[in-house]
Amino acid sequence: MLRYLACSLLFSLGLAQGLELHIPAFASGQIPAKYTCVGENLSPGFTFAHLPPGTKSLALLFWDPEFPKGLIPRWVLYDLPPTAEVGEGLARAAALPNGLKQGQNGLGKIGYDGPCPAKSAPYQIDLYALNVATLGLPPGAAWHQVKAAIQKHRLQEAIVKVSFRR
C-alpha cells in the first residue's frame, strides 16, 4: 500500500514520467514519403527517454492497425540495448551491431517495410521497455513470436500513432 501511495504521489507531482518514444521525422504526426514505398522506404531514426527502473532491453513494433485483411507488421526490432541509438536507414539484416535484432515484416522479409496504402492509413509504433537483456529469440523471428515474448517481460510501453496519405 505504501508503495502504491508513493507512486501515486510521484505521478501527481509530475516527478515520475513514463517511457517516451521520439521519432523526429514523424513529429508532425504524418509519415513523410521518404519512409514509404513511394519514397526511399528508409526506416526512421528514433530515440527514447524515461526508461523505467530495471530496463535491460527494448523492443519496437511498427504496424498497421486497420489493414482490412489482418495485422501487417512493418518493422520488428528487439534486443535493443537501453543505451543504443537507432539511426535512420537501418540495414535490412536480421542481426545488427550491439545485439540488436530485426524480425520479419508483413512481406516475410527482414527489416523495415514502410507504409504503402492505396490512399491513406493510420499506423502505430509501440516501444517496450523489457526486464531482460534478450528475448531469447533468434534473429529474423516472426512478429507473433516477438509479441508473445514481449508480453512476458514488459515493464512499460510507449505508443506513437501516425498516418500516411498519398
N, C-alpha and C. Protein backbone atom coordinates (compact mmCIF):
# COMPACT_ATOMS: atom_id res chain seq x y z
N MET A 1 0.82 -1.19 0.00
CA MET A 1 0.00 0.00 0.00
C MET A 1 0.86 1.26 0.00
N LEU A 2 1.92 1.23 0.81
CA LEU A 2 2.81 2.38 0.88
C LEU A 2 3.47 2.64 -0.47
N ARG A 3 3.86 1.57 -1.17
CA ARG A 3 4.48 1.71 -2.49
C ARG A 3 3.49 2.35 -3.47
N TYR A 4 2.23 1.92 -3.41
CA TYR A 4 1.20 2.47 -4.28
C TYR A 4 1.04 3.97 -4.03
N LEU A 5 0.97 4.35 -2.77
CA LEU A 5 0.82 5.76 -2.42
C LEU A 5 2.01 6.59 -2.88
N ALA A 6 3.22 6.05 -2.73
CA ALA A 6 4.42 6.76 -3.17
C ALA A 6 4.41 6.96 -4.68
N CYS A 7 4.04 5.92 -5.43
CA CYS A 7 3.98 6.03 -6.89
C CYS A 7 2.90 7.03 -7.31
N SER A 8 1.75 6.98 -6.65
CA SER A 8 0.67 7.92 -6.96
C SER A 8 1.12 9.36 -6.73
N LEU A 9 1.82 9.59 -5.64
CA LEU A 9 2.31 10.93 -5.32
C LEU A 9 3.31 11.41 -6.36
N LEU A 10 4.24 10.54 -6.76
CA LEU A 10 5.23 10.92 -7.78
C LEU A 10 4.56 11.31 -9.08
N PHE A 11 3.57 10.53 -9.52
CA PHE A 11 2.89 10.84 -10.77
C PHE A 11 2.07 12.12 -10.65
N SER A 12 1.39 12.31 -9.54
CA SER A 12 0.57 13.51 -9.39
C SER A 12 1.42 14.78 -9.31
N LEU A 13 2.63 14.67 -8.81
CA LEU A 13 3.52 15.83 -8.75
C LEU A 13 4.30 16.04 -10.04
N GLY A 14 4.16 15.09 -10.98
CA GLY A 14 4.89 15.20 -12.24
C GLY A 14 6.35 14.82 -12.10
N LEU A 15 6.71 14.13 -11.02
CA LEU A 15 8.10 13.75 -10.81
C LEU A 15 8.45 12.43 -11.47
N ALA A 16 7.46 11.62 -11.75
CA ALA A 16 7.69 10.34 -12.43
C ALA A 16 7.12 10.46 -13.84
N GLN A 17 7.91 10.07 -14.80
CA GLN A 17 7.46 10.15 -16.18
C GLN A 17 7.52 8.76 -16.79
N GLY A 18 6.62 8.51 -17.70
CA GLY A 18 6.58 7.22 -18.37
C GLY A 18 7.55 7.18 -19.53
N LEU A 19 7.75 6.00 -20.03
CA LEU A 19 8.59 5.75 -21.19
C LEU A 19 8.13 6.63 -22.36
N GLU A 20 9.08 7.21 -23.06
CA GLU A 20 8.77 8.06 -24.22
C GLU A 20 9.52 7.57 -25.44
N LEU A 21 8.86 7.64 -26.59
CA LEU A 21 9.44 7.32 -27.88
C LEU A 21 9.40 8.58 -28.72
N HIS A 22 10.55 8.97 -29.27
CA HIS A 22 10.64 10.17 -30.11
C HIS A 22 11.12 9.76 -31.50
N ILE A 23 10.31 10.08 -32.51
CA ILE A 23 10.66 9.82 -33.91
C ILE A 23 10.63 11.18 -34.60
N PRO A 24 11.77 11.87 -34.65
CA PRO A 24 11.79 13.23 -35.19
C PRO A 24 11.17 13.37 -36.58
N ALA A 25 11.38 12.41 -37.45
CA ALA A 25 10.84 12.51 -38.81
C ALA A 25 9.31 12.45 -38.84
N PHE A 26 8.70 11.90 -37.78
CA PHE A 26 7.25 11.77 -37.73
C PHE A 26 6.63 12.75 -36.73
N ALA A 27 7.37 13.76 -36.32
CA ALA A 27 6.92 14.69 -35.27
C ALA A 27 5.60 15.38 -35.60
N SER A 28 5.31 15.56 -36.87
CA SER A 28 4.06 16.22 -37.27
C SER A 28 2.86 15.28 -37.19
N GLY A 29 3.12 14.00 -36.97
CA GLY A 29 2.04 13.01 -36.97
C GLY A 29 1.84 12.38 -38.34
N GLN A 30 2.54 12.91 -39.34
CA GLN A 30 2.48 12.38 -40.70
C GLN A 30 3.80 11.70 -41.05
N ILE A 31 3.72 10.62 -41.80
CA ILE A 31 4.93 9.92 -42.25
C ILE A 31 5.34 10.52 -43.59
N PRO A 32 6.51 11.13 -43.68
CA PRO A 32 6.98 11.66 -44.96
C PRO A 32 7.19 10.54 -45.98
N ALA A 33 6.98 10.85 -47.26
CA ALA A 33 7.10 9.86 -48.33
C ALA A 33 8.44 9.13 -48.31
N LYS A 34 9.48 9.79 -47.87
CA LYS A 34 10.82 9.20 -47.81
C LYS A 34 10.84 7.86 -47.07
N TYR A 35 9.92 7.67 -46.12
CA TYR A 35 9.89 6.48 -45.28
C TYR A 35 8.83 5.47 -45.73
N THR A 36 8.37 5.61 -46.98
CA THR A 36 7.30 4.75 -47.51
C THR A 36 7.71 4.13 -48.84
N CYS A 37 6.80 3.32 -49.39
CA CYS A 37 7.06 2.65 -50.68
C CYS A 37 7.13 3.63 -51.84
N VAL A 38 6.59 4.83 -51.69
CA VAL A 38 6.65 5.82 -52.77
C VAL A 38 7.91 6.66 -52.70
N GLY A 39 8.70 6.46 -51.66
CA GLY A 39 9.95 7.18 -51.48
C GLY A 39 11.11 6.20 -51.41
N GLU A 40 12.02 6.45 -50.49
CA GLU A 40 13.22 5.61 -50.34
C GLU A 40 12.98 4.39 -49.46
N ASN A 41 11.83 4.33 -48.82
CA ASN A 41 11.49 3.22 -47.92
C ASN A 41 12.54 3.03 -46.82
N LEU A 42 13.02 4.15 -46.28
CA LEU A 42 14.02 4.12 -45.21
C LEU A 42 13.34 3.95 -43.86
N SER A 43 13.99 3.23 -42.98
CA SER A 43 13.49 3.16 -41.61
C SER A 43 13.81 4.48 -40.91
N PRO A 44 12.90 4.95 -40.06
CA PRO A 44 13.16 6.21 -39.35
C PRO A 44 14.10 6.00 -38.17
N GLY A 45 14.86 7.03 -37.85
CA GLY A 45 15.66 7.00 -36.63
C GLY A 45 14.76 7.34 -35.45
N PHE A 46 15.13 6.88 -34.27
CA PHE A 46 14.33 7.21 -33.09
C PHE A 46 15.18 7.23 -31.84
N THR A 47 14.66 7.91 -30.84
CA THR A 47 15.29 7.96 -29.52
C THR A 47 14.21 7.64 -28.49
N PHE A 48 14.66 7.42 -27.28
CA PHE A 48 13.72 7.11 -26.21
C PHE A 48 14.20 7.79 -24.94
N ALA A 49 13.28 7.97 -24.01
CA ALA A 49 13.60 8.64 -22.75
C ALA A 49 12.74 8.07 -21.63
N HIS A 50 13.16 8.35 -20.41
CA HIS A 50 12.44 7.96 -19.20
C HIS A 50 12.22 6.45 -19.11
N LEU A 51 13.32 5.70 -19.28
CA LEU A 51 13.23 4.25 -19.14
C LEU A 51 12.89 3.91 -17.69
N PRO A 52 12.00 2.96 -17.48
CA PRO A 52 11.67 2.59 -16.10
C PRO A 52 12.83 1.82 -15.46
N PRO A 53 12.93 1.86 -14.14
CA PRO A 53 13.97 1.10 -13.45
C PRO A 53 13.86 -0.38 -13.82
N GLY A 54 15.01 -1.01 -14.00
CA GLY A 54 15.03 -2.43 -14.33
C GLY A 54 15.02 -2.71 -15.82
N THR A 55 15.01 -1.65 -16.66
CA THR A 55 15.02 -1.86 -18.11
C THR A 55 16.37 -2.43 -18.53
N LYS A 56 16.32 -3.58 -19.19
CA LYS A 56 17.55 -4.23 -19.68
C LYS A 56 17.61 -4.27 -21.20
N SER A 57 16.48 -4.11 -21.86
CA SER A 57 16.45 -4.02 -23.32
C SER A 57 15.13 -3.39 -23.74
N LEU A 58 15.04 -3.12 -25.05
CA LEU A 58 13.83 -2.53 -25.62
C LEU A 58 13.43 -3.32 -26.86
N ALA A 59 12.16 -3.20 -27.22
CA ALA A 59 11.66 -3.78 -28.47
C ALA A 59 10.73 -2.75 -29.10
N LEU A 60 10.68 -2.73 -30.42
CA LEU A 60 9.83 -1.79 -31.14
C LEU A 60 9.03 -2.54 -32.19
N LEU A 61 7.73 -2.29 -32.23
CA LEU A 61 6.84 -2.88 -33.23
C LEU A 61 6.12 -1.75 -33.96
N PHE A 62 6.23 -1.73 -35.28
CA PHE A 62 5.60 -0.73 -36.14
C PHE A 62 4.59 -1.50 -36.99
N TRP A 63 3.32 -1.13 -36.90
CA TRP A 63 2.31 -1.94 -37.57
C TRP A 63 1.13 -1.11 -38.05
N ASP A 64 0.32 -1.75 -38.88
CA ASP A 64 -0.86 -1.16 -39.50
C ASP A 64 -2.09 -1.70 -38.77
N PRO A 65 -2.70 -0.92 -37.88
CA PRO A 65 -3.81 -1.43 -37.08
C PRO A 65 -5.14 -1.57 -37.82
N GLU A 66 -5.26 -0.99 -39.01
CA GLU A 66 -6.55 -1.04 -39.71
C GLU A 66 -6.49 -1.73 -41.07
N PHE A 67 -5.46 -2.54 -41.30
CA PHE A 67 -5.37 -3.24 -42.58
C PHE A 67 -6.57 -4.19 -42.70
N PRO A 68 -7.32 -4.13 -43.81
CA PRO A 68 -8.55 -4.91 -43.92
C PRO A 68 -8.37 -6.43 -43.82
N LYS A 69 -7.22 -6.95 -44.18
CA LYS A 69 -7.02 -8.40 -44.18
C LYS A 69 -6.24 -8.89 -42.96
N GLY A 70 -6.15 -8.09 -41.93
CA GLY A 70 -5.44 -8.51 -40.72
C GLY A 70 -4.20 -7.69 -40.48
N LEU A 71 -3.58 -7.95 -39.36
CA LEU A 71 -2.41 -7.19 -38.92
C LEU A 71 -1.24 -7.29 -39.91
N ILE A 72 -0.64 -6.15 -40.20
CA ILE A 72 0.53 -6.11 -41.08
C ILE A 72 1.69 -5.48 -40.33
N PRO A 73 2.68 -6.29 -39.93
CA PRO A 73 3.86 -5.71 -39.29
C PRO A 73 4.73 -4.99 -40.32
N ARG A 74 5.15 -3.79 -40.00
CA ARG A 74 6.02 -3.01 -40.87
C ARG A 74 7.48 -3.09 -40.43
N TRP A 75 7.69 -3.26 -39.11
CA TRP A 75 9.05 -3.29 -38.58
C TRP A 75 9.01 -3.99 -37.23
N VAL A 76 9.92 -4.91 -37.03
CA VAL A 76 10.03 -5.66 -35.78
C VAL A 76 11.48 -5.58 -35.31
N LEU A 77 11.72 -4.87 -34.21
CA LEU A 77 13.06 -4.73 -33.63
C LEU A 77 13.03 -5.26 -32.20
N TYR A 78 14.07 -5.99 -31.81
CA TYR A 78 14.12 -6.48 -30.44
C TYR A 78 15.57 -6.66 -29.99
N ASP A 79 15.72 -6.84 -28.69
CA ASP A 79 17.04 -6.95 -28.05
C ASP A 79 17.88 -5.68 -28.24
N LEU A 80 17.20 -4.54 -28.25
CA LEU A 80 17.87 -3.25 -28.37
C LEU A 80 18.39 -2.84 -26.99
N PRO A 81 19.70 -2.68 -26.85
CA PRO A 81 20.24 -2.24 -25.56
C PRO A 81 19.67 -0.87 -25.17
N PRO A 82 19.42 -0.64 -23.89
CA PRO A 82 18.81 0.63 -23.48
C PRO A 82 19.73 1.83 -23.62
N THR A 83 20.97 1.62 -24.03
CA THR A 83 21.90 2.73 -24.24
C THR A 83 22.16 2.98 -25.72
N ALA A 84 21.57 2.18 -26.58
CA ALA A 84 21.83 2.28 -28.02
C ALA A 84 21.04 3.42 -28.65
N GLU A 85 21.50 3.86 -29.81
CA GLU A 85 20.77 4.83 -30.61
C GLU A 85 20.41 4.15 -31.92
N VAL A 86 19.26 4.48 -32.46
CA VAL A 86 18.85 3.89 -33.72
C VAL A 86 18.75 5.01 -34.74
N GLY A 87 19.63 4.98 -35.72
CA GLY A 87 19.65 5.99 -36.76
C GLY A 87 18.76 5.62 -37.93
N GLU A 88 18.56 6.58 -38.79
CA GLU A 88 17.75 6.39 -39.99
C GLU A 88 18.42 5.39 -40.94
N GLY A 89 17.60 4.64 -41.67
CA GLY A 89 18.11 3.76 -42.71
C GLY A 89 18.84 2.54 -42.20
N LEU A 90 18.30 1.89 -41.20
CA LEU A 90 18.92 0.69 -40.64
C LEU A 90 19.03 -0.38 -41.72
N ALA A 91 20.15 -1.08 -41.76
CA ALA A 91 20.36 -2.15 -42.74
C ALA A 91 19.28 -3.21 -42.58
N ARG A 92 18.90 -3.84 -43.67
CA ARG A 92 17.89 -4.90 -43.63
C ARG A 92 18.56 -6.24 -43.36
N ALA A 93 19.11 -6.36 -42.17
CA ALA A 93 19.79 -7.58 -41.73
C ALA A 93 19.14 -8.04 -40.44
N ALA A 94 19.09 -9.34 -40.23
CA ALA A 94 18.44 -9.89 -39.03
C ALA A 94 19.23 -9.56 -37.77
N ALA A 95 20.56 -9.63 -37.85
CA ALA A 95 21.41 -9.33 -36.69
C ALA A 95 22.23 -8.08 -37.00
N LEU A 96 22.22 -7.14 -36.07
CA LEU A 96 22.91 -5.86 -36.24
C LEU A 96 23.87 -5.63 -35.08
N PRO A 97 24.71 -4.60 -35.16
CA PRO A 97 25.63 -4.31 -34.05
C PRO A 97 24.89 -4.10 -32.73
N ASN A 98 25.61 -4.26 -31.64
CA ASN A 98 25.09 -4.08 -30.28
C ASN A 98 24.04 -5.11 -29.88
N GLY A 99 23.94 -6.21 -30.62
CA GLY A 99 22.98 -7.25 -30.26
C GLY A 99 21.57 -7.01 -30.76
N LEU A 100 21.33 -5.87 -31.42
CA LEU A 100 20.01 -5.56 -31.95
C LEU A 100 19.62 -6.57 -33.02
N LYS A 101 18.35 -7.00 -32.97
CA LYS A 101 17.85 -7.96 -33.95
C LYS A 101 16.60 -7.39 -34.62
N GLN A 102 16.42 -7.79 -35.88
CA GLN A 102 15.21 -7.42 -36.62
C GLN A 102 14.46 -8.69 -36.98
N GLY A 103 13.14 -8.59 -36.92
CA GLY A 103 12.31 -9.72 -37.27
C GLY A 103 11.70 -9.55 -38.65
N GLN A 104 10.77 -10.44 -38.96
CA GLN A 104 10.11 -10.45 -40.26
C GLN A 104 9.00 -9.40 -40.31
N ASN A 105 8.94 -8.70 -41.43
CA ASN A 105 7.86 -7.75 -41.64
C ASN A 105 6.68 -8.47 -42.32
N GLY A 106 5.67 -7.73 -42.72
CA GLY A 106 4.48 -8.32 -43.32
C GLY A 106 4.70 -9.00 -44.66
N LEU A 107 5.83 -8.73 -45.29
CA LEU A 107 6.16 -9.38 -46.56
C LEU A 107 6.99 -10.65 -46.33
N GLY A 108 7.26 -10.96 -45.06
CA GLY A 108 8.09 -12.12 -44.74
C GLY A 108 9.57 -11.84 -44.92
N LYS A 109 9.92 -10.57 -45.09
CA LYS A 109 11.32 -10.18 -45.25
C LYS A 109 11.82 -9.58 -43.94
N ILE A 110 13.13 -9.47 -43.84
CA ILE A 110 13.75 -8.92 -42.63
C ILE A 110 13.88 -7.40 -42.74
N GLY A 111 13.60 -6.72 -41.64
CA GLY A 111 13.81 -5.28 -41.58
C GLY A 111 12.56 -4.48 -41.88
N TYR A 112 12.78 -3.21 -42.10
CA TYR A 112 11.71 -2.23 -42.28
C TYR A 112 11.03 -2.36 -43.63
N ASP A 113 9.71 -2.28 -43.63
CA ASP A 113 8.90 -2.23 -44.84
C ASP A 113 7.91 -1.09 -44.64
N GLY A 114 8.22 0.06 -45.22
CA GLY A 114 7.41 1.25 -44.99
C GLY A 114 5.99 1.14 -45.48
N PRO A 115 5.14 2.04 -45.00
CA PRO A 115 3.74 2.06 -45.41
C PRO A 115 3.57 2.17 -46.92
N CYS A 116 2.48 1.57 -47.41
CA CYS A 116 2.22 1.58 -48.85
C CYS A 116 0.71 1.49 -49.11
N PRO A 117 -0.09 2.36 -48.48
CA PRO A 117 -1.54 2.27 -48.68
C PRO A 117 -1.96 2.86 -50.02
N ALA A 118 -3.13 2.46 -50.48
CA ALA A 118 -3.67 2.99 -51.73
C ALA A 118 -4.00 4.48 -51.59
N LYS A 119 -4.54 4.88 -50.45
CA LYS A 119 -4.89 6.28 -50.22
C LYS A 119 -4.23 6.80 -48.95
N SER A 120 -4.83 6.51 -47.82
CA SER A 120 -4.25 6.93 -46.54
C SER A 120 -4.55 5.86 -45.50
N ALA A 121 -3.73 5.83 -44.47
CA ALA A 121 -3.91 4.82 -43.42
C ALA A 121 -3.20 5.25 -42.15
N PRO A 122 -3.72 4.81 -41.00
CA PRO A 122 -3.04 5.07 -39.73
C PRO A 122 -2.03 3.96 -39.44
N TYR A 123 -1.04 4.30 -38.64
CA TYR A 123 -0.01 3.34 -38.23
C TYR A 123 0.29 3.55 -36.76
N GLN A 124 0.78 2.50 -36.14
CA GLN A 124 1.12 2.59 -34.72
C GLN A 124 2.52 2.04 -34.49
N ILE A 125 3.28 2.73 -33.66
CA ILE A 125 4.63 2.29 -33.29
C ILE A 125 4.64 2.13 -31.77
N ASP A 126 4.94 0.92 -31.33
CA ASP A 126 4.97 0.60 -29.90
C ASP A 126 6.41 0.34 -29.48
N LEU A 127 6.86 1.02 -28.45
CA LEU A 127 8.18 0.78 -27.86
C LEU A 127 7.96 0.16 -26.49
N TYR A 128 8.65 -0.94 -26.24
CA TYR A 128 8.51 -1.66 -24.97
C TYR A 128 9.82 -1.65 -24.20
N ALA A 129 9.76 -1.31 -22.93
CA ALA A 129 10.88 -1.47 -22.01
C ALA A 129 10.73 -2.86 -21.42
N LEU A 130 11.81 -3.63 -21.45
CA LEU A 130 11.77 -5.04 -21.03
C LEU A 130 12.71 -5.31 -19.87
N ASN A 131 12.38 -6.30 -19.07
CA ASN A 131 13.20 -6.63 -17.90
C ASN A 131 14.25 -7.71 -18.16
N VAL A 132 14.50 -8.02 -19.44
CA VAL A 132 15.54 -8.99 -19.82
C VAL A 132 16.43 -8.36 -20.89
N ALA A 133 17.69 -8.77 -20.93
CA ALA A 133 18.63 -8.23 -21.91
C ALA A 133 18.36 -8.79 -23.30
N THR A 134 17.77 -9.97 -23.38
CA THR A 134 17.43 -10.57 -24.66
C THR A 134 16.13 -11.34 -24.51
N LEU A 135 15.34 -11.36 -25.57
CA LEU A 135 14.09 -12.12 -25.56
C LEU A 135 14.33 -13.60 -25.79
N GLY A 136 15.58 -13.96 -26.11
CA GLY A 136 15.90 -15.37 -26.33
C GLY A 136 15.44 -15.90 -27.67
N LEU A 137 15.17 -15.00 -28.60
CA LEU A 137 14.73 -15.39 -29.94
C LEU A 137 15.88 -15.23 -30.92
N PRO A 138 15.91 -16.04 -31.97
CA PRO A 138 16.95 -15.87 -32.97
C PRO A 138 16.69 -14.64 -33.82
N PRO A 139 17.70 -14.13 -34.51
CA PRO A 139 17.48 -13.04 -35.46
C PRO A 139 16.46 -13.49 -36.51
N GLY A 140 15.63 -12.57 -36.96
CA GLY A 140 14.66 -12.89 -38.00
C GLY A 140 13.39 -13.55 -37.50
N ALA A 141 13.09 -13.42 -36.22
CA ALA A 141 11.88 -14.05 -35.65
C ALA A 141 10.62 -13.42 -36.24
N ALA A 142 9.54 -14.19 -36.19
CA ALA A 142 8.24 -13.72 -36.68
C ALA A 142 7.60 -12.79 -35.65
N TRP A 143 6.74 -11.90 -36.14
CA TRP A 143 6.02 -10.93 -35.31
C TRP A 143 5.38 -11.60 -34.09
N HIS A 144 4.62 -12.68 -34.32
CA HIS A 144 3.88 -13.30 -33.21
C HIS A 144 4.81 -13.86 -32.15
N GLN A 145 5.99 -14.34 -32.54
CA GLN A 145 6.97 -14.83 -31.56
C GLN A 145 7.50 -13.68 -30.71
N VAL A 146 7.84 -12.58 -31.36
CA VAL A 146 8.37 -11.41 -30.66
C VAL A 146 7.30 -10.83 -29.74
N LYS A 147 6.09 -10.68 -30.24
CA LYS A 147 5.00 -10.12 -29.44
C LYS A 147 4.73 -10.98 -28.20
N ALA A 148 4.73 -12.29 -28.34
CA ALA A 148 4.49 -13.18 -27.20
C ALA A 148 5.61 -13.06 -26.17
N ALA A 149 6.85 -12.97 -26.63
CA ALA A 149 7.99 -12.83 -25.71
C ALA A 149 7.94 -11.48 -24.99
N ILE A 150 7.55 -10.43 -25.71
CA ILE A 150 7.44 -9.10 -25.10
C ILE A 150 6.44 -9.14 -23.94
N GLN A 151 5.31 -9.77 -24.14
CA GLN A 151 4.26 -9.79 -23.11
C GLN A 151 4.74 -10.41 -21.80
N LYS A 152 5.70 -11.31 -21.88
CA LYS A 152 6.23 -11.97 -20.67
C LYS A 152 7.21 -11.09 -19.90
N HIS A 153 7.80 -10.09 -20.58
CA HIS A 153 8.89 -9.32 -19.96
C HIS A 153 8.68 -7.81 -19.98
N ARG A 154 7.51 -7.37 -20.29
CA ARG A 154 7.19 -5.95 -20.46
C ARG A 154 7.14 -5.21 -19.12
N LEU A 155 7.87 -4.10 -19.07
CA LEU A 155 7.81 -3.20 -17.91
C LEU A 155 6.89 -2.02 -18.20
N GLN A 156 7.07 -1.42 -19.39
CA GLN A 156 6.29 -0.24 -19.78
C GLN A 156 6.24 -0.18 -21.29
N GLU A 157 5.26 0.57 -21.80
CA GLU A 157 5.09 0.73 -23.24
C GLU A 157 4.84 2.20 -23.57
N ALA A 158 5.41 2.64 -24.68
CA ALA A 158 5.14 3.97 -25.23
C ALA A 158 4.54 3.76 -26.62
N ILE A 159 3.53 4.53 -26.95
CA ILE A 159 2.84 4.38 -28.24
C ILE A 159 2.88 5.70 -29.00
N VAL A 160 3.22 5.60 -30.29
CA VAL A 160 3.16 6.75 -31.19
C VAL A 160 2.23 6.37 -32.33
N LYS A 161 1.24 7.23 -32.59
CA LYS A 161 0.31 7.00 -33.69
C LYS A 161 0.56 8.04 -34.77
N VAL A 162 0.68 7.56 -36.00
CA VAL A 162 0.97 8.43 -37.14
C VAL A 162 0.11 7.99 -38.32
N SER A 163 0.17 8.74 -39.40
CA SER A 163 -0.56 8.34 -40.60
C SER A 163 0.23 8.71 -41.84
N PHE A 164 -0.17 8.10 -42.94
CA PHE A 164 0.44 8.41 -44.24
C PHE A 164 -0.69 8.59 -45.24
N ARG A 165 -0.57 9.62 -46.05
CA ARG A 165 -1.55 9.91 -47.10
C ARG A 165 -0.79 10.10 -48.40
N ARG A 166 -1.24 9.42 -49.44
CA ARG A 166 -0.61 9.58 -50.76
C ARG A 166 -1.03 10.87 -51.40
